Amino acid sequence: MTFVDFLLDVGLAFLFSAPILVSNAAPALLGGGFPVDFYKNFFDGKRILGDHKTIQGLIMGILAGIVSSIIVFYLVGDLMILRYGHLGFKFPMWIGLVMGWGCNFGDMFGSFVKRRLNIQSGGSFPVFDQTGYILFGLLWSWPVFRVIPWQFIVTLLVIAPLLHFGANVFAYAVGAKDVPW
């Protein structure tokens, strides 16, 4: 593998994961409204998810995943099919839907676990905050792809958490988030 091949794989990995990355950011930017857990408590007396996981955020996150997947498909879909030989790339709406839903489910699962561990809403949950949404986005997309190129998985699990951290620090600096994580 040449350095150019490596850079191409890294770039395509981020484009492939755009529905996950965009879906993760969309609820913070476009969310708000009524909580997904309907203000209900779990049997342990704690909120199921908390105020930050909203129906509007979930819908906007999934829609953002669909839109970003369609854009990526029209930009580099043929290149991905040619390079990796997988026809799963021909279904951008379906990919965006499953990645967007998986990403948001992973984020909600993280919030559920945080409440059980007595981590307050918006509190830091290291490692899972940076990788949980990626893992669930990839897991949900597995029925479409069956085999996701290993370069994509390695790139996403190594570089995406750093990107996630940087994006959160930026969002905090511009006032879009209350905390820098």
Protein backbone atom coordinates (compact mmCIF):
# COMPACT_ATOMS: atom_id res chain seq x y z
CA MET A 1 0.00 0.00 0.00
CA THR A 2 1.39 3.37 -0.99
CA PHE A 3 1.04 6.57 0.99
CA VAL A 4 -1.45 7.83 -1.62
CA ASP A 5 -3.53 4.66 -1.13
CA PHE A 6 -3.43 5.23 2.62
CA LEU A 7 -4.61 8.82 2.27
CA LEU A 8 -7.35 7.76 -0.13
CA ASP A 9 -8.54 5.08 2.32
CA VAL A 10 -8.57 7.57 5.21
CA GLY A 11 -10.48 10.14 3.16
CA LEU A 12 -12.99 7.59 1.93
CA ALA A 13 -13.40 6.25 5.47
CA PHE A 14 -14.50 9.69 6.63
CA LEU A 15 -16.81 10.10 3.67
CA PHE A 16 -18.23 6.62 4.29
CA SER A 17 -18.86 7.56 7.92
CA ALA A 18 -20.29 11.01 7.15
CA PRO A 19 -23.82 9.84 8.03
CA ILE A 20 -22.55 8.78 11.47
CA LEU A 21 -20.46 11.90 12.09
CA VAL A 22 -23.13 14.31 10.84
CA SER A 23 -25.91 12.45 12.68
CA ASN A 24 -23.96 12.77 15.89
CA ALA A 25 -23.59 16.55 15.52
CA ALA A 26 -27.09 17.34 14.22
CA PRO A 27 -29.05 16.91 17.48
CA ALA A 28 -26.78 19.37 19.30
CA LEU A 29 -27.31 21.93 16.53
CA LEU A 30 -30.90 21.21 15.46
CA GLY A 31 -32.40 19.40 18.45
CA GLY A 32 -34.41 20.60 21.39
CA GLY A 33 -37.99 20.06 22.36
CA PHE A 34 -39.61 17.11 24.07
CA PRO A 35 -37.40 14.38 25.58
CA VAL A 36 -37.40 10.92 24.01
CA ASP A 37 -37.96 9.37 27.46
CA PHE A 38 -41.11 11.49 28.02
CA TYR A 39 -39.67 12.61 31.39
CA LYS A 40 -40.04 9.05 32.68
CA ASN A 41 -37.85 7.39 35.29
CA PHE A 42 -36.37 3.91 35.09
CA PHE A 43 -37.15 1.41 37.85
CA ASP A 44 -34.11 2.71 39.75
CA GLY A 45 -35.82 6.11 40.10
CA LYS A 46 -33.45 7.92 37.72
CA ARG A 47 -34.41 9.45 34.39
CA ILE A 48 -34.21 6.96 31.54
CA LEU A 49 -32.18 9.26 29.27
CA GLY A 50 -32.45 12.87 30.39
CA ASP A 51 -33.50 16.20 28.91
CA HIS A 52 -30.79 16.33 26.22
CA LYS A 53 -32.12 13.38 24.18
CA THR A 54 -35.11 14.83 22.36
CA ILE A 55 -37.52 13.63 19.70
CA GLN A 56 -36.61 16.57 17.48
CA GLY A 57 -32.90 15.83 17.94
CA LEU A 58 -33.42 12.17 17.06
CA ILE A 59 -35.41 12.98 13.93
CA MET A 60 -32.96 15.68 12.82
CA GLY A 61 -30.01 13.36 13.47
CA ILE A 62 -31.50 10.62 11.31
CA LEU A 63 -32.48 13.06 8.55
CA ALA A 64 -28.98 14.55 8.61
CA GLY A 65 -27.57 11.03 8.18
CA ILE A 66 -29.80 10.40 5.17
CA VAL A 67 -28.95 13.72 3.51
CA SER A 68 -25.21 13.35 4.10
CA SER A 69 -25.27 9.80 2.75
CA ILE A 70 -26.98 10.91 -0.44
CA ILE A 71 -24.44 13.72 -0.91
CA VAL A 72 -21.50 11.36 -0.35
CA PHE A 73 -23.01 8.83 -2.77
CA TYR A 74 -23.20 11.43 -5.53
CA LEU A 75 -19.69 12.68 -4.82
CA VAL A 76 -17.75 9.41 -4.47
CA GLY A 77 -20.17 6.47 -4.59
CA ASP A 78 -18.80 5.13 -7.85
CA LEU A 79 -15.22 5.43 -6.58
CA MET A 80 -16.12 3.49 -3.41
CA ILE A 81 -17.81 0.76 -5.44
CA LEU A 82 -14.83 0.58 -7.81
CA ARG A 83 -12.24 0.58 -5.01
CA TYR A 84 -13.99 -1.73 -2.52
CA GLY A 85 -16.30 -3.63 -4.85
CA HIS A 86 -19.35 -3.42 -2.64
CA LEU A 87 -22.81 -2.68 -3.97
CA GLY A 88 -24.01 -1.56 -0.53
CA PHE A 89 -22.77 1.87 -1.55
CA LYS A 90 -25.56 2.02 -4.13
CA PHE A 91 -28.23 2.51 -1.43
CA PRO A 92 -27.41 5.89 0.10
CA MET A 93 -30.83 6.59 1.62
CA TRP A 94 -30.90 3.22 3.36
CA ILE A 95 -27.29 3.62 4.53
CA GLY A 96 -27.98 7.10 5.90
CA LEU A 97 -31.07 5.84 7.70
CA VAL A 98 -29.38 2.88 9.39
CA MET A 99 -26.19 4.77 10.21
CA GLY A 100 -28.13 7.78 11.51
CA TRP A 101 -30.40 5.62 13.64
CA GLY A 102 -27.48 3.50 14.89
CA CYS A 103 -25.46 6.59 15.79
CA ASN A 104 -28.34 8.14 17.71
CA PHE A 105 -29.23 4.86 19.38
CA GLY A 106 -25.60 4.57 20.52
CA ASP A 107 -25.73 8.09 21.91
CA MET A 108 -29.00 7.32 23.76
CA PHE A 109 -27.56 4.04 25.04
CA GLY A 110 -24.59 5.99 26.40
CA SER A 111 -26.98 8.38 28.17
CA PHE A 112 -28.89 5.44 29.63
CA VAL A 113 -25.68 3.92 30.99
CA LYS A 114 -24.53 7.31 32.30
CA ARG A 115 -27.73 7.71 34.32
CA ARG A 116 -27.24 4.24 35.82
CA LEU A 117 -23.63 5.15 36.75
CA ASN A 118 -24.76 8.44 38.36
CA ILE A 119 -23.07 10.56 35.68
CA GLN A 120 -25.17 13.69 35.31
CA SER A 121 -26.68 14.73 32.00
CA GLY A 122 -23.91 16.37 29.97
CA GLY A 123 -21.25 14.73 32.15
CA SER A 124 -18.22 13.08 30.65
CA PHE A 125 -18.15 9.33 29.97
CA PRO A 126 -14.63 8.86 28.53
CA VAL A 127 -14.11 6.52 25.60
CA PHE A 128 -17.82 5.75 25.15
CA ASP A 129 -18.60 9.44 24.46
CA GLN A 130 -16.00 9.39 21.67
CA THR A 131 -16.62 5.92 20.18
CA GLY A 132 -20.07 4.65 21.18
CA TYR A 133 -21.94 6.45 18.44
CA ILE A 134 -19.41 5.22 15.85
CA LEU A 135 -19.64 1.60 17.00
CA PHE A 136 -23.44 1.62 16.94
CA GLY A 137 -23.52 3.42 13.57
CA LEU A 138 -21.24 0.73 12.11
CA LEU A 139 -23.17 -2.06 13.84
CA TRP A 140 -26.48 -0.84 12.44
CA SER A 141 -24.97 -0.58 8.94
CA TRP A 142 -23.63 -4.14 9.04
CA PRO A 143 -26.81 -5.68 7.51
CA VAL A 144 -26.32 -3.45 4.46
CA PHE A 145 -22.58 -3.98 4.05
CA ARG A 146 -21.81 -7.31 5.79
CA VAL A 147 -18.13 -6.51 5.28
CA ILE A 148 -16.94 -3.00 6.05
CA PRO A 149 -13.39 -2.39 4.79
CA TRP A 150 -10.96 -2.81 7.69
CA GLN A 151 -9.31 0.49 6.76
CA PHE A 152 -12.59 2.25 7.51
CA ILE A 153 -12.97 0.67 10.93
CA VAL A 154 -9.38 1.40 11.98
CA THR A 155 -9.57 4.97 10.72
CA LEU A 156 -12.85 5.63 12.47
CA LEU A 157 -11.84 4.13 15.80
CA VAL A 158 -8.46 5.89 15.88
CA ILE A 159 -8.97 9.25 14.20
CA ALA A 160 -12.70 9.96 14.65
CA PRO A 161 -12.48 10.19 18.47
CA LEU A 162 -9.84 12.90 18.08
CA LEU A 163 -12.08 14.70 15.59
CA HIS A 164 -15.02 14.30 17.99
CA PHE A 165 -13.03 15.83 20.83
CA GLY A 166 -11.93 18.75 18.66
CA ALA A 167 -15.47 19.39 17.42
CA ASN A 168 -16.78 19.42 20.99
CA VAL A 169 -14.10 21.87 22.13
CA PHE A 170 -14.97 24.09 19.16
CA ALA A 171 -18.73 23.86 19.88
CA TYR A 172 -18.04 24.81 23.49
CA ALA A 173 -15.83 27.74 22.42
CA VAL A 174 -18.57 29.18 20.18
CA GLY A 175 -21.29 28.62 22.78
CA ALA A 176 -23.12 25.75 21.04
CA LYS A 177 -22.38 23.37 23.97
CA ASP A 178 -22.30 23.89 27.72
CA VAL A 179 -19.32 21.58 28.25
CA PRO A 180 -16.19 20.88 26.16
CA TRP A 181 -16.71 17.08 25.95
